[in-house]
C-alpha atoms as a PDB file:
ATOM      1  CA  MET A   1      37.439   9.120   5.602  1.00  0.00           C
ATOM      2  CA  VAL A   2      34.027  10.803   5.344  1.00  0.00           C
ATOM      3  CA  ALA A   3      30.796   9.424   3.886  1.00  0.00           C
ATOM      4  CA  SER A   4      28.423  11.604   1.905  1.00  0.00           C
ATOM      5  CA  SER A   5      25.033  12.688   3.261  1.00  0.00           C
ATOM      6  CA  SER A   6      21.538  11.299   2.598  1.00  0.00           C
ATOM      7  CA  TRP A   7      22.220   7.667   1.708  1.00  0.00           C
ATOM      8  CA  ALA A   8      21.200   5.459   4.674  1.00  0.00           C
ATOM      9  CA  SER A   9      17.603   4.238   4.876  1.00  0.00           C
ATOM     10  CA  LEU A  10      17.953   3.242   8.559  1.00  0.00           C
ATOM     11  CA  LEU A  11      20.009   5.050  11.200  1.00  0.00           C
ATOM     12  CA  PHE A  12      20.531   3.171  14.469  1.00  0.00           C
ATOM     13  CA  PHE A  13      21.888   5.891  16.736  1.00  0.00           C
ATOM     14  CA  ASN A  14      23.429   4.696  20.018  1.00  0.00           C
ATOM     15  CA  PRO A  15      26.597   6.770  20.606  1.00  0.00           C
ATOM     16  CA  PRO A  16      28.816   6.837  23.720  1.00  0.00           C
ATOM     17  CA  TYR A  17      27.277   8.610  26.715  1.00  0.00           C
ATOM     18  CA  ASP A  18      29.703  11.087  28.272  1.00  0.00           C
ATOM     19  CA  TRP A  19      31.036  14.628  28.478  1.00  0.00           C
ATOM     20  CA  VAL A  20      33.962  15.878  26.392  1.00  0.00           C
ATOM     21  CA  LYS A  21      35.897  19.146  26.478  1.00  0.00           C
ATOM     22  CA  VAL A  22      36.063  21.032  23.158  1.00  0.00           C
ATOM     23  CA  LYS A  23      37.883  24.390  23.104  1.00  0.00           C
ATOM     24  CA  ASP A  24      37.333  25.027  26.815  1.00  0.00           C
ATOM     25  CA  LYS A  25      33.640  24.097  26.554  1.00  0.00           C
ATOM     26  CA  ARG A  26      32.018  20.948  27.911  1.00  0.00           C
ATOM     27  CA  LEU A  27      29.784  19.196  25.400  1.00  0.00           C
ATOM     28  CA  ARG A  28      27.966  15.910  25.350  1.00  0.00           C
ATOM     29  CA  LEU A  29      29.417  13.225  23.105  1.00  0.00           C
ATOM     30  CA  GLU A  30      25.896  12.320  22.010  1.00  0.00           C
ATOM     31  CA  GLN A  31      25.427  15.798  20.545  1.00  0.00           C
ATOM     32  CA  LEU A  32      28.763  15.688  18.705  1.00  0.00           C
ATOM     33  CA  PHE A  33      27.961  12.274  17.228  1.00  0.00           C
ATOM     34  CA  TRP A  34      24.500  13.491  16.211  1.00  0.00           C
ATOM     35  CA  GLU A  35      25.864  16.564  14.432  1.00  0.00           C
ATOM     36  CA  ALA A  36      28.343  14.337  12.571  1.00  0.00           C
ATOM     37  CA  HIS A  37      25.972  11.542  11.541  1.00  0.00           C
ATOM     38  CA  ALA A  38      22.386  12.842  11.367  1.00  0.00           C
ATOM     39  CA  SER A  39      22.786  13.906   7.731  1.00  0.00           C
ATOM     40  CA  ARG A  40      23.492  10.308   6.648  1.00  0.00           C
ATOM     41  CA  LEU A  41      19.800   9.343   6.871  1.00  0.00           C
ATOM     42  CA  ILE A  42      17.698  10.018   3.779  1.00  0.00           C
ATOM     43  CA  PRO A  43      14.436  12.004   4.129  1.00  0.00           C
ATOM     44  CA  GLY A  44      11.756   9.406   4.794  1.00  0.00           C
ATOM     45  CA  GLY A  45      14.294   7.046   6.356  1.00  0.00           C
ATOM     46  CA  VAL A  46      13.827   5.571   9.826  1.00  0.00           C
ATOM     47  CA  LEU A  47      15.725   6.739  12.914  1.00  0.00           C
ATOM     48  CA  VAL A  48      16.107   4.449  15.937  1.00  0.00           C
ATOM     49  CA  ALA A  49      17.818   6.422  18.716  1.00  0.00           C
ATOM     50  CA  VAL A  50      18.782   4.873  22.069  1.00  0.00           C
ATOM     51  CA  LEU A  51      19.750   7.659  24.470  1.00  0.00           C
ATOM     52  CA  PRO A  52      19.563   8.577  28.177  1.00  0.00           C
ATOM     53  CA  ASP A  53      16.474  10.650  28.988  1.00  0.00           C
ATOM     54  CA  TYR A  54      18.458  13.186  31.036  1.00  0.00           C
ATOM     55  CA  LEU A  55      20.389  14.116  27.882  1.00  0.00           C
ATOM     56  CA  PHE A  56      17.336  16.011  26.610  1.00  0.00           C
ATOM     57  CA  TYR A  57      15.988  17.728  29.727  1.00  0.00           C
ATOM     58  CA  ARG A  58      19.251  18.348  31.604  1.00  0.00           C
ATOM     59  CA  ASP A  59      22.595  17.927  29.830  1.00  0.00           C
ATOM     60  CA  ALA A  60      21.873  18.913  26.211  1.00  0.00           C
ATOM     61  CA  PRO A  61      18.383  20.444  25.724  1.00  0.00           C
ATOM     62  CA  ARG A  62      19.371  21.343  22.157  1.00  0.00           C
ATOM     63  CA  MET A  63      18.984  17.656  21.316  1.00  0.00           C
ATOM     64  CA  ALA A  64      15.240  17.956  21.982  1.00  0.00           C
ATOM     65  CA  GLU A  65      15.163  20.852  19.524  1.00  0.00           C
ATOM     66  CA  PHE A  66      17.148  18.848  16.972  1.00  0.00           C
ATOM     67  CA  PHE A  67      14.771  15.889  17.181  1.00  0.00           C
ATOM     68  CA  SER A  68      11.625  18.051  16.996  1.00  0.00           C
ATOM     69  CA  ASN A  69      12.840  19.605  13.728  1.00  0.00           C
ATOM     70  CA  TYR A  70      14.355  16.392  12.339  1.00  0.00           C
ATOM     71  CA  LEU A  71      11.488  13.922  12.756  1.00  0.00           C
ATOM     72  CA  GLN A  72       8.161  13.876  10.937  1.00  0.00           C
ATOM     73  CA  LYS A  73       5.421  15.347  13.092  1.00  0.00           C
ATOM     74  CA  GLY A  74       2.888  12.968  14.609  1.00  0.00           C
ATOM     75  CA  THR A  75       4.624   9.713  13.638  1.00  0.00           C
ATOM     76  CA  THR A  76       7.374   9.448  16.272  1.00  0.00           C
ATOM     77  CA  LEU A  77       7.184   6.866  19.074  1.00  0.00           C
ATOM     78  CA  VAL A  78       9.084   7.198  22.359  1.00  0.00           C
ATOM     79  CA  TYR A  79       9.529   4.248  24.720  1.00  0.00           C
ATOM     80  CA  ARG A  80      11.221   3.559  28.024  1.00  0.00           C
ATOM     81  CA  ALA A  81      13.945   0.939  27.535  1.00  0.00           C
ATOM     82  CA  ASP A  82      13.617  -2.269  29.527  1.00  0.00           C
ATOM     83  CA  THR A  83      16.769  -1.676  31.577  1.00  0.00           C
ATOM     84  CA  ASP A  84      17.804   0.260  34.660  1.00  0.00           C
ATOM     85  CA  LYS A  85      21.089   1.381  33.091  1.00  0.00           C
ATOM     86  CA  PHE A  86      21.516   4.970  31.928  1.00  0.00           C
ATOM     87  CA  LYS A  87      17.749   5.706  32.097  1.00  0.00           C
ATOM     88  CA  GLN A  88      17.589   4.915  28.397  1.00  0.00           C
ATOM     89  CA  ILE A  89      14.709   5.816  26.117  1.00  0.00           C
ATOM     90  CA  VAL A  90      14.127   4.666  22.542  1.00  0.00           C
ATOM     91  CA  VAL A  91      12.963   7.181  19.921  1.00  0.00           C
ATOM     92  CA  ILE A  92      11.676   5.782  16.609  1.00  0.00           C
ATOM     93  CA  GLY A  93      10.496   7.956  13.751  1.00  0.00           C
ATOM     94  CA  TYR A  94      10.813   9.028  10.129  1.00  0.00           C
ATOM     95  CA  ARG A  95      13.181  11.770   9.061  1.00  0.00           C
ATOM     96  CA  LYS A  96      11.172  14.744   7.847  1.00  0.00           C
ATOM     97  CA  LYS A  97      11.060  15.481   4.130  1.00  0.00           C
ATOM     98  CA  SER A  98      11.977  19.151   3.883  1.00  0.00           C
ATOM     99  CA  GLU A  99      10.465  21.448   1.283  1.00  0.00           C
ATOM    100  CA  ALA A 100      12.510  24.299  -0.169  1.00  0.00           C
ATOM    101  CA  GLY A 101      11.411  27.725   0.992  1.00  0.00           C
ATOM    102  CA  LYS A 102       9.095  26.336   3.655  1.00  0.00           C
ATOM    103  CA  ALA A 103       9.552  27.372   7.296  1.00  0.00           C
ATOM    104  CA  LEU A 104      10.428  24.785   9.918  1.00  0.00           C
ATOM    105  CA  ASP A 105       7.427  23.129  11.515  1.00  0.00           C
ATOM    106  CA  PRO A 106       8.787  21.501  14.685  1.00  0.00           C
ATOM    107  CA  ASP A 107       6.988  18.724  16.523  1.00  0.00           C
ATOM    108  CA  ILE A 108       6.183  20.689  19.690  1.00  0.00           C
ATOM    109  CA  ASP A 109       4.602  17.688  21.438  1.00  0.00           C
ATOM    110  CA  LEU A 110       7.739  15.618  20.913  1.00  0.00           C
ATOM    111  CA  ARG A 111       9.979  18.440  22.113  1.00  0.00           C
ATOM    112  CA  ASN A 112       7.924  18.964  25.271  1.00  0.00           C
ATOM    113  CA  LEU A 113       7.911  15.245  25.985  1.00  0.00           C
ATOM    114  CA  LEU A 114      11.693  14.978  25.688  1.00  0.00           C
ATOM    115  CA  LEU A 115      12.166  18.043  27.902  1.00  0.00           C
ATOM    116  CA  THR A 116       9.993  16.590  30.686  1.00  0.00           C
ATOM    117  CA  PRO A 117      12.092  15.066  33.507  1.00  0.00           C
ATOM    118  CA  ASP A 118      11.213  11.437  34.229  1.00  0.00           C
ATOM    119  CA  ALA A 119       8.329  11.510  31.766  1.00  0.00           C
ATOM    120  CA  GLU A 120       5.916   8.596  31.933  1.00  0.00           C
ATOM    121  CA  LEU A 121       6.623   6.559  28.824  1.00  0.00           C
ATOM    122  CA  PRO A 122       5.315   3.181  27.670  1.00  0.00           C
ATOM    123  CA  ALA A 123       7.674   0.237  27.925  1.00  0.00           C
ATOM    124  CA  LEU A 124       9.424  -0.895  24.770  1.00  0.00           C
ATOM    125  CA  PRO A 125       7.032  -3.474  23.255  1.00  0.00           C
ATOM    126  CA  LYS A 126       8.162  -7.060  22.904  1.00  0.00           C
ATOM    127  CA  GLU A 127       5.686  -7.829  20.131  1.00  0.00           C
ATOM    128  CA  PRO A 128       5.729  -6.396  16.576  1.00  0.00           C
ATOM    129  CA  LEU A 129       3.915  -3.106  16.107  1.00  0.00           C
ATOM    130  CA  ALA A 130       0.466  -3.248  14.556  1.00  0.00           C
ATOM    131  CA  THR A 131       1.633  -0.584  12.090  1.00  0.00           C
ATOM    132  CA  PRO A 132       5.337  -1.201  11.482  1.00  0.00           C
ATOM    133  CA  PHE A 133       7.769   1.428  10.273  1.00  0.00           C
ATOM    134  CA  LEU A 134       8.538   1.017   6.569  1.00  0.00           C
ATOM    135  CA  ILE A 135      12.186   1.401   5.630  1.00  0.00           C
ATOM    136  CA  PRO A 136      12.712   2.834   2.120  1.00  0.00           C
ATOM    137  CA  ASP A 137      15.470   1.884  -0.287  1.00  0.00           C
ATOM    138  CA  GLY A 138      18.807   3.444   0.552  1.00  0.00           C
ATOM    139  CA  ARG A 139      21.502   4.703  -1.773  1.00  0.00           C
ATOM    140  CA  THR A 140      25.151   3.873  -2.271  1.00  0.00           C
ATOM    141  CA  PRO A 141      27.224   6.459  -0.394  1.00  0.00           C
ATOM    142  CA  ASP A 142      30.182   8.284  -1.818  1.00  0.00           C
ATOM    143  CA  THR A 143      33.285   8.506   0.329  1.00  0.00           C
ATOM    144  CA  PHE A 144      36.099  10.989   0.281  1.00  0.00           C
ATOM    145  CA  ARG A 145      39.172  11.904   2.299  1.00  0.00           C
ATOM    146  CA  ILE A 146      39.818  15.325   3.809  1.00  0.00           C
ATOM    147  CA  ASN A 147      43.298  16.664   4.594  1.00  0.00           C
ATOM    148  CA  HIS A 148      43.245  20.078   6.243  1.00  0.00           C
ATOM    149  CA  LEU A 149      46.055  22.444   7.231  1.00  0.00           C
ATOM    150  CA  THR A 150      45.461  25.934   8.584  1.00  0.00           C
ATOM    151  CA  LYS A 151      47.279  28.890   7.036  1.00  0.00           C
ATOM    152  CA  GLU A 152      48.798  29.801  10.408  1.00  0.00           C
ATOM    153  CA  TYR A 153      50.200  26.318  10.900  1.00  0.00           C
ATOM    154  CA  VAL A 154      51.813  26.274   7.448  1.00  0.00           C
ATOM    155  CA  GLU A 155      53.399  29.711   7.984  1.00  0.00           C
ATOM    156  CA  MET A 156      54.791  28.639  11.345  1.00  0.00           C
ATOM    157  CA  VAL A 157      56.299  25.424  10.016  1.00  0.00           C
ATOM    158  CA  LEU A 158      57.736  27.039   6.873  1.00  0.00           C
ATOM    159  CA  ALA A 159      59.614  29.524   9.048  1.00  0.00           C
ATOM    160  CA  LYS A 160      61.297  26.624  10.835  1.00  0.00           C
ATOM    161  CA  ASN A 161      61.615  24.167   7.964  1.00  0.00           C
ATOM    162  CA  PRO A 162      61.972  25.440   4.359  1.00  0.00           C
ATOM    163  CA  GLN A 163      61.532  21.855   3.113  1.00  0.00           C
ATOM    164  CA  PHE A 164      58.065  21.583   4.632  1.00  0.00           C
ATOM    165  CA  ASP A 165      56.259  22.178   1.322  1.00  0.00           C
ATOM    166  CA  LYS A 166      58.017  19.144  -0.174  1.00  0.00           C
ATOM    167  CA  GLU A 167      57.058  17.073   2.864  1.00  0.00           C
ATOM    168  CA  VAL A 168      53.419  18.107   2.457  1.00  0.00           C
ATOM    169  CA  GLN A 169      53.513  17.141  -1.212  1.00  0.00           C
ATOM    170  CA  GLN A 170      54.955  13.738  -0.316  1.00  0.00           C
ATOM    171  CA  PHE A 171      52.290  13.268   2.366  1.00  0.00           C
ATOM    172  CA  LEU A 172      49.440  14.061  -0.020  1.00  0.00           C
ATOM    173  CA  GLN A 173      50.851  11.701  -2.640  1.00  0.00           C
ATOM    174  CA  THR A 174      50.992   8.941  -0.040  1.00  0.00           C
ATOM    175  CA  GLN A 175      47.434   9.664   1.111  1.00  0.00           C
ATOM    176  CA  ASN A 176      46.212   9.565  -2.478  1.00  0.00           C
ATOM    177  CA  ALA A 177      47.872   6.193  -2.991  1.00  0.00           C
ATOM    178  CA  LEU A 178      46.309   4.847   0.192  1.00  0.00           C
ATOM    179  CA  SER A 179      42.869   6.121  -0.763  1.00  0.00           C
ATOM    180  CA  GLN A 180      42.949   3.951  -3.875  1.00  0.00           C
ATOM    181  CA  LYS A 181      42.989   0.889  -1.609  1.00  0.00           C
ATOM    182  CA  LEU A 182      40.033   1.934   0.571  1.00  0.00           C
ATOM    183  CA  ARG A 183      36.738   0.238  -0.201  1.00  0.00           C
ATOM    184  CA  SER A 184      33.670   2.451  -0.319  1.00  0.00           C
ATOM    185  CA  VAL A 185      30.807   1.596   2.034  1.00  0.00           C
ATOM    186  CA  ARG A 186      28.373  -0.620   0.165  1.00  0.00           C
ATOM    187  CA  GLN A 187      25.152  -2.421   0.942  1.00  0.00           C
ATOM    188  CA  LEU A 188      25.780  -6.155   1.393  1.00  0.00           C
ATOM    189  CA  ARG A 189      23.359  -8.466  -0.359  1.00  0.00           C
ATOM    190  CA  ASP A 190      23.326 -12.269  -0.449  1.00  0.00           C
ATOM    191  CA  GLY A 191      24.738 -12.331  -3.951  1.00  0.00           C
ATOM    192  CA  HIS A 192      27.752 -10.296  -2.890  1.00  0.00           C
ATOM    193  CA  ILE A 193      28.990 -12.796  -0.308  1.00  0.00           C
ATOM    194  CA  PRO A 194      30.585 -15.323  -2.723  1.00  0.00           C
ATOM    195  CA  ALA A 195      32.269 -12.491  -4.627  1.00  0.00           C
ATOM    196  CA  LEU A 196      33.577 -10.948  -1.418  1.00  0.00           C
ATOM    197  CA  LEU A 197      34.887 -14.292  -0.226  1.00  0.00           C
ATOM    198  CA  ALA A 198      36.579 -14.962  -3.533  1.00  0.00           C
ATOM    199  CA  SER A 199      38.267 -11.558  -3.555  1.00  0.00           C
ATOM    200  CA  GLY A 200      39.404 -11.753   0.036  1.00  0.00           C
ATOM    201  CA  GLY A 201      37.141  -8.873   0.989  1.00  0.00           C
ATOM    202  CA  LEU A 202      35.365 -10.890   3.656  1.00  0.00           C
ATOM    203  CA  ASP A 203      37.133 -12.819   6.383  1.00  0.00           C
ATOM    204  CA  GLY A 204      34.503 -14.454   8.533  1.00  0.00           C
ATOM    205  CA  HIS A 205      31.797 -17.095   8.493  1.00  0.00           C
ATOM    206  CA  LEU A 206      28.115 -17.656   7.802  1.00  0.00           C
ATOM    207  CA  GLU A 207      25.756 -19.738   9.901  1.00  0.00           C
ATOM    208  CA  ASP A 208      22.380 -21.346   9.365  1.00  0.00           C
ATOM    209  CA  GLU A 209      19.463 -20.984  11.784  1.00  0.00           C
ATOM    210  CA  GLN A 210      20.811 -23.839  13.912  1.00  0.00           C
ATOM    211  CA  GLY A 211      24.113 -22.039  14.381  1.00  0.00           C
ATOM    212  CA  ARG A 212      26.104 -24.362  12.108  1.00  0.00           C
ATOM    213  CA  PHE A 213      28.855 -22.896   9.982  1.00  0.00           C
ATOM    214  CA  LEU A 214      28.024 -23.050   6.291  1.00  0.00           C
ATOM    215  CA  VAL A 215      30.938 -21.260   4.714  1.00  0.00           C
ATOM    216  CA  ARG A 216      34.007 -19.440   5.882  1.00  0.00           C
ATOM    217  CA  GLY A 217      36.451 -17.299   3.951  1.00  0.00           C
ATOM    218  CA  THR A 218      40.063 -16.729   4.937  1.00  0.00           C
ATOM    219  CA  VAL A 219      42.961 -14.716   3.617  1.00  0.00           C
ATOM    220  CA  GLN A 220      46.452 -16.063   4.276  1.00  0.00           C
ATOM    221  CA  THR A 221      49.810 -14.400   3.730  1.00  0.00           C
ATOM    222  CA  VAL A 222      52.532 -16.846   2.722  1.00  0.00           C
ATOM    223  CA  MET A 223      56.164 -16.568   1.737  1.00  0.00           C
ATOM    224  CA  GLU A 224      57.010 -18.028  -1.662  1.00  0.00           C
ATOM    225  CA  VAL A 225      60.685 -18.843  -2.169  1.00  0.00           C
ATOM    226  CA  LEU A 226      62.012 -18.666  -5.719  1.00  0.00           C
ATOM    227  CA  GLU A 227      65.429 -19.996  -6.674  1.00  0.00           C
ATOM    228  CA  GLY A 228      67.214 -19.225  -9.897  1.00  0.00           C
ATOM    229  CA  ALA A 229      70.681 -19.363 -11.425  1.00  0.00           C
ATOM    230  CA  GLU A 230      72.569 -16.179 -12.205  1.00  0.00           C
ATOM    231  CA  ALA A 231      75.684 -16.323 -14.391  1.00  0.00           C
ATOM    232  CA  GLU A 232      78.766 -14.171 -13.837  1.00  0.00           C
ATOM    233  CA  GLU A 233      81.967 -13.979 -15.842  1.00  0.00           C
ATOM    234  CA  THR A 234      83.819 -16.532 -13.710  1.00  0.00           C
ATOM    235  CA  GLN A 235      81.139 -18.627 -12.041  1.00  0.00           C
ATOM    236  CA  LYS A 236      77.457 -19.324 -11.592  1.00  0.00           C
ATOM    237  CA  LYS A 237      75.638 -18.615  -8.366  1.00  0.00           C
ATOM    238  CA  THR A 238      72.189 -19.460  -7.019  1.00  0.00           C
ATOM    239  CA  VAL A 239      69.936 -16.551  -6.059  1.00  0.00           C
ATOM    240  CA  THR A 240      67.043 -17.082  -3.640  1.00  0.00           C
ATOM    241  CA  THR A 241      64.170 -14.588  -3.614  1.00  0.00           C
ATOM    242  CA  SER A 242      61.372 -14.513  -1.033  1.00  0.00           C
ATOM    243  CA  VAL A 243      58.052 -13.097  -2.198  1.00  0.00           C
ATOM    244  CA  ARG A 244      55.139 -12.283   0.110  1.00  0.00           C
ATOM    245  CA  LYS A 245      51.830 -13.399  -1.422  1.00  0.00           C
ATOM    246  CA  HIS A 246      48.192 -13.281  -0.314  1.00  0.00           C
ATOM    247  CA  ILE A 247      46.230 -16.480  -0.887  1.00  0.00           C
ATOM    248  CA  THR A 248      42.444 -16.381  -0.647  1.00  0.00           C
ATOM    249  CA  GLN A 249      40.536 -19.578  -0.073  1.00  0.00           C
ATOM    250  CA  ILE A 250      36.872 -20.381   0.452  1.00  0.00           C
ATOM    251  CA  LEU A 251      35.981 -23.217   2.800  1.00  0.00           C
ATOM    252  CA  ALA A 252      32.575 -24.874   3.069  1.00  0.00           C
ATOM    253  CA  TRP A 253      31.074 -27.454   5.382  1.00  0.00           C
ATOM    254  CA  ASP A 254      30.045 -30.735   3.747  1.00  0.00           C
ATOM    255  CA  LEU A 255      26.894 -31.295   5.824  1.00  0.00           C
ATOM    256  CA  SER A 256      26.747 -34.976   4.889  1.00  0.00           C
ATOM    257  CA  ASN A 257      29.829 -35.737   6.988  1.00  0.00           C
ATOM    258  CA  PHE A 258      30.470 -32.327   8.629  1.00  0.00           C
ATOM    259  CA  GLN A 259      33.923 -32.043   7.100  1.00  0.00           C
ATOM    260  CA  LEU A 260      35.404 -28.690   6.143  1.00  0.00           C
ATOM    261  CA  ILE A 261      36.445 -28.774   2.491  1.00  0.00           C
ATOM    262  CA  ARG A 262      38.153 -26.221   0.305  1.00  0.00           C
ATOM    263  CA  ILE A 263      36.046 -25.148  -2.657  1.00  0.00           C
ATOM    264  CA  SER A 264      38.276 -22.386  -4.037  1.00  0.00           C
END
């Protein structure tokens, strides 16, 4: 399942930190995650990246190049995280708005800073910034499924199994049926919560500022037994049928007596 590009207004990027082997080459997981997800952020959206500093100056210098071309020049802030683990730094900035036909204008200062080993960076502030980053409105992403078979693989399998083409057709039909059940990624607003609870799309709880549960939705699967008479030529017999059903209920706390009551 793949989401379309340029829809998120905020990208919080904190991938796994490690090496991985891809086609006999060692690559950093952070770089692979970046190449897969960087396009999700809309131009003008805000990136918050939490990464080890040695990723840029030692293990994957290309990441410094990526960030210098990706982020708007002169607006990016880089902090040292308040932890001794992983030598983390926090990079916050706006994604650059590209102009067609215009050459890349990388942020050289940012690139040089990221490529400097053990650079002196300010600590991550604990108070709000005097000039906060403004997050624009995002968009609703499209989602789609990709099924890919190489020509060589198909030729190899067909030589061994003449029925393979029918199996592929059956597989694609099944995948298409499954894709109809997949929900697209959507922004969740307050008004959506009751609808999600009522449809069984949300199984969880909400809390107020004091940590008290206000509402909780559940989805239960129950067996419903149906009995009916079925006549034959010589006698009647009773037929019992078991049906699996999904029951959605919405529970709410009555704060006057702190009892959990069913409201739907």
